[in-house]
Amino acid sequence: MKAVVRVLCALVLAGLTARSAAATTMVFGNRGAFDAAVVGEIVDNFNGILGAGQMFSAFNPLVVDGVTFSSATALVNVTNKDFYAPSFSYPSDFIVDSANPGPDNTLDIVLPSAVTAFGIDFGSLFSPTTGSLSLSNGFSEGFVGTDTTGSVAFLGFVSTDPFTSVQLTIDNENWVVTDAIRATDAATVPEPATLTLTALGLAGVVRRYRRRS
């Protein structure tokens, strides 16, 4: 019995070590599912930055509620949601890069503190959106987003490994962002914590068995 319990403890602790070494990241393409998976959510948008009647203003960087938006390839333009009306409009004021479309159109988003969840409503101006989102913890995800001008797609991440920045890359197009959503924690307990409790429980079994012996 003692040998069996020791083996079980060793296996669980080995699994804990392996799982802790590799962070788990969940990807969400649906805002509702993302909202259900996080707590402490904050939505940073670009409404209220422009003055009355102002259609756009250029920044680099742009700082909103402690979040820094910048681009190595372009200025960050805060743009009125109806700038392209009557052809199309966006749901809210948005940011767009000022560069000509190219293979390396990036937006860097630096957060004021480490988080474990982040989501973004994004699109492109005149063609289907493809590209990638990369987290500072090393995780990266390619995407194919909205193909309708004036609309945005959602992409969110929940990770067991906290991160402090995000980079958006749009391939051969101008990026458009209407909202950036950040949350401090996932709503569910990450698996490594569950494994820790299991390991402690088995260790207690070993101690009780030794006392009885």
Protein backbone atom coordinates (compact mmCIF):
# COMPACT_ATOMS: atom_id res chain seq x y z
CA MET A 1 0.00 0.00 0.00
CA LYS A 2 2.76 2.43 0.98
CA ALA A 3 4.58 1.83 -2.30
CA VAL A 4 1.39 2.37 -4.32
CA VAL A 5 0.64 5.70 -2.61
CA ARG A 6 4.22 6.86 -3.12
CA VAL A 7 3.98 6.04 -6.81
CA LEU A 8 0.69 7.97 -7.12
CA CYS A 9 2.22 11.01 -5.42
CA ALA A 10 5.23 10.88 -7.70
CA LEU A 11 3.04 10.68 -10.79
CA VAL A 12 0.85 13.61 -9.72
CA LEU A 13 3.87 15.76 -8.78
CA ALA A 14 5.50 14.93 -12.10
CA GLY A 15 2.34 15.95 -13.91
CA LEU A 16 2.20 19.17 -11.88
CA THR A 17 5.78 20.03 -12.87
CA ALA A 18 5.16 19.31 -16.53
CA ARG A 19 1.91 21.29 -16.68
CA SER A 20 3.37 24.25 -14.75
CA ALA A 21 6.28 24.42 -17.18
CA ALA A 22 3.97 24.87 -20.17
CA ALA A 23 1.28 27.53 -19.85
CA THR A 24 -2.23 26.77 -21.01
CA THR A 25 -3.93 29.38 -23.24
CA MET A 26 -7.55 29.21 -24.37
CA VAL A 27 -8.62 31.13 -27.48
CA PHE A 28 -12.12 32.63 -27.86
CA GLY A 29 -13.78 33.82 -31.05
CA ASN A 30 -17.02 34.67 -29.24
CA ARG A 31 -17.31 37.65 -26.89
CA GLY A 32 -20.05 36.08 -24.77
CA ALA A 33 -17.97 32.96 -24.08
CA PHE A 34 -14.96 35.13 -23.22
CA ASP A 35 -17.02 37.25 -20.79
CA ALA A 36 -18.21 34.09 -19.04
CA ALA A 37 -14.61 32.89 -18.59
CA VAL A 38 -13.14 36.01 -16.95
CA VAL A 39 -13.59 38.31 -13.94
CA GLY A 40 -12.49 41.88 -13.34
CA GLU A 41 -13.14 42.95 -16.91
CA ILE A 42 -12.23 46.47 -18.13
CA VAL A 43 -13.17 47.74 -21.60
CA ASP A 44 -10.93 50.40 -23.11
CA ASN A 45 -12.51 52.16 -26.07
CA PHE A 46 -11.82 55.35 -27.97
CA ASN A 47 -15.07 57.24 -27.48
CA GLY A 48 -14.71 60.72 -25.98
CA ILE A 49 -11.14 61.35 -27.18
CA LEU A 50 -12.15 63.45 -30.18
CA GLY A 51 -13.68 66.89 -29.73
CA ALA A 52 -17.10 67.90 -31.01
CA GLY A 53 -17.12 67.76 -34.80
CA GLN A 54 -13.56 66.38 -34.93
CA MET A 55 -13.21 63.46 -37.35
CA PHE A 56 -9.70 62.19 -36.47
CA SER A 57 -6.55 62.94 -34.53
CA ALA A 58 -3.12 61.30 -34.78
CA PHE A 59 -1.11 59.95 -31.83
CA ASN A 60 1.96 57.76 -31.30
CA PRO A 61 1.72 56.63 -28.66
CA LEU A 62 -1.91 56.86 -27.60
CA VAL A 63 -2.58 56.22 -23.89
CA VAL A 64 -6.09 55.29 -22.75
CA ASP A 65 -6.75 54.34 -19.10
CA GLY A 66 -3.10 53.38 -18.67
CA VAL A 67 -3.03 51.21 -21.80
CA THR A 68 -0.47 52.33 -24.42
CA PHE A 69 -1.26 51.87 -28.11
CA SER A 70 1.65 52.45 -30.51
CA SER A 71 2.96 51.36 -33.89
CA ALA A 72 6.48 51.04 -35.25
CA THR A 73 5.16 51.47 -38.79
CA ALA A 74 2.53 54.21 -38.53
CA LEU A 75 0.74 56.83 -36.50
CA VAL A 76 -2.25 55.74 -34.43
CA ASN A 77 -5.27 57.67 -35.68
CA VAL A 78 -8.31 58.01 -33.41
CA THR A 79 -11.15 58.23 -35.93
CA ASN A 80 -14.81 59.14 -35.70
CA LYS A 81 -17.06 56.12 -36.17
CA ASP A 82 -18.82 57.90 -39.05
CA PHE A 83 -15.64 59.05 -40.83
CA TYR A 84 -16.43 56.87 -43.86
CA ALA A 85 -20.18 57.50 -43.85
CA PRO A 86 -22.38 57.15 -45.82
CA SER A 87 -20.35 54.26 -47.31
CA PHE A 88 -19.99 52.55 -43.92
CA SER A 89 -19.64 53.25 -40.21
CA TYR A 90 -18.18 51.38 -37.22
CA PRO A 91 -20.03 50.65 -33.96
CA SER A 92 -17.90 53.22 -32.06
CA ASP A 93 -14.94 55.53 -32.56
CA PHE A 94 -11.90 53.48 -33.55
CA ILE A 95 -8.16 53.59 -34.12
CA VAL A 96 -6.56 52.91 -37.47
CA ASP A 97 -2.97 53.06 -38.70
CA SER A 98 -1.88 55.79 -41.10
CA ALA A 99 0.55 53.67 -43.15
CA ASN A 100 -0.05 52.25 -46.59
CA PRO A 101 -0.93 48.54 -46.45
CA GLY A 102 2.17 46.42 -46.10
CA PRO A 103 3.38 43.03 -44.88
CA ASP A 104 4.29 44.28 -41.39
CA ASN A 105 1.41 46.47 -40.22
CA THR A 106 1.55 46.16 -36.43
CA LEU A 107 -0.14 47.63 -33.38
CA ASP A 108 1.57 47.23 -29.99
CA ILE A 109 -0.64 47.30 -26.89
CA VAL A 110 1.19 47.64 -23.56
CA LEU A 111 -0.93 47.04 -20.45
CA PRO A 112 -0.42 48.88 -17.13
CA SER A 113 -0.06 45.60 -15.23
CA ALA A 114 0.06 41.87 -15.88
CA VAL A 115 -3.24 40.18 -16.79
CA THR A 116 -4.31 36.66 -17.63
CA ALA A 117 -7.10 37.55 -20.08
CA PHE A 118 -7.36 39.90 -23.04
CA GLY A 119 -9.80 40.41 -25.90
CA ILE A 120 -9.98 42.74 -28.87
CA ASP A 121 -12.60 43.87 -31.39
CA PHE A 122 -10.75 44.45 -34.64
CA GLY A 123 -11.09 44.53 -38.39
CA SER A 124 -9.55 45.97 -41.53
CA LEU A 125 -10.72 48.69 -43.86
CA PHE A 126 -11.17 47.36 -47.37
CA SER A 127 -10.47 43.62 -47.56
CA PRO A 128 -10.77 40.42 -45.45
CA THR A 129 -8.73 40.50 -42.24
CA THR A 130 -5.90 38.02 -41.73
CA GLY A 131 -2.96 38.23 -39.37
CA SER A 132 -1.92 37.27 -35.85
CA LEU A 133 -2.10 38.31 -32.21
CA SER A 134 0.97 37.65 -30.04
CA LEU A 135 1.16 37.83 -26.23
CA SER A 136 4.31 38.82 -24.33
CA ASN A 137 4.34 35.38 -22.65
CA GLY A 138 5.25 33.83 -26.03
CA PHE A 139 1.81 32.66 -27.18
CA SER A 140 0.71 33.59 -30.71
CA GLU A 141 -2.46 32.89 -32.68
CA GLY A 142 -3.17 33.48 -36.36
CA PHE A 143 -6.65 34.49 -37.39
CA VAL A 144 -9.04 35.13 -40.24
CA GLY A 145 -11.43 37.86 -39.12
CA THR A 146 -14.29 39.82 -40.57
CA ASP A 147 -14.48 40.27 -44.32
CA THR A 148 -17.04 43.09 -44.16
CA THR A 149 -15.89 46.71 -44.16
CA GLY A 150 -17.37 48.58 -41.21
CA SER A 151 -17.64 45.50 -38.99
CA VAL A 152 -15.27 43.99 -36.44
CA ALA A 153 -14.44 40.48 -35.24
CA PHE A 154 -13.60 39.39 -31.70
CA LEU A 155 -10.55 37.43 -30.56
CA GLY A 156 -9.82 36.72 -26.90
CA PHE A 157 -7.29 34.80 -24.80
CA VAL A 158 -7.30 33.36 -21.29
CA SER A 159 -3.88 32.14 -20.14
CA THR A 160 -2.43 30.51 -17.03
CA ASP A 161 0.73 32.55 -17.69
CA PRO A 162 0.25 36.31 -17.10
CA PHE A 163 1.30 38.76 -19.81
CA THR A 164 1.84 42.52 -20.05
CA SER A 165 1.57 43.31 -23.77
CA VAL A 166 -0.13 42.24 -27.00
CA GLN A 167 0.90 42.77 -30.62
CA LEU A 168 -1.67 42.82 -33.43
CA THR A 169 -0.39 42.20 -36.97
CA ILE A 170 -2.63 42.63 -40.02
CA ASP A 171 -1.35 41.15 -43.28
CA ASN A 172 -1.38 43.51 -46.26
CA GLU A 173 -4.07 45.77 -44.83
CA ASN A 174 -4.76 48.61 -42.43
CA TRP A 175 -5.77 47.49 -38.94
CA VAL A 176 -8.89 48.86 -37.26
CA VAL A 177 -9.57 48.43 -33.52
CA THR A 178 -12.75 49.55 -31.75
CA ASP A 179 -12.31 48.02 -28.27
CA ALA A 180 -9.60 46.34 -26.20
CA ILE A 181 -10.86 44.24 -23.27
CA ARG A 182 -8.58 43.18 -20.44
CA ALA A 183 -9.29 41.13 -17.32
CA THR A 184 -7.08 40.29 -14.36
CA ASP A 185 -8.13 36.68 -13.86
CA ALA A 186 -9.86 33.68 -15.33
CA ALA A 187 -13.15 32.81 -13.65
CA THR A 188 -12.16 29.15 -13.22
CA VAL A 189 -9.26 27.72 -11.23
CA PRO A 190 -6.39 26.74 -13.57
CA GLU A 191 -5.54 23.05 -13.75
CA PRO A 192 -2.11 23.39 -12.03
CA ALA A 193 -3.86 24.57 -8.85
CA THR A 194 -6.14 21.53 -8.93
CA LEU A 195 -3.11 19.29 -9.32
CA THR A 196 -1.46 20.96 -6.32
CA LEU A 197 -4.46 20.18 -4.11
CA THR A 198 -4.49 16.59 -5.33
CA ALA A 199 -0.78 16.19 -4.59
CA LEU A 200 -1.20 17.63 -1.08
CA GLY A 201 -4.10 15.27 -0.43
CA LEU A 202 -2.07 12.22 -1.46
CA ALA A 203 0.85 13.42 0.64
CA GLY A 204 -1.54 13.52 3.61
CA VAL A 205 -2.54 9.91 2.90
CA VAL A 206 1.13 8.90 3.06
CA ARG A 207 1.62 10.67 6.42
CA ARG A 208 -1.49 9.06 7.92
CA TYR A 209 -0.39 5.65 6.68
CA ARG A 210 3.04 6.14 8.27
CA ARG A 211 1.51 7.12 11.63
CA ARG A 212 -0.66 3.99 11.61
CA SER A 213 2.38 1.88 10.80
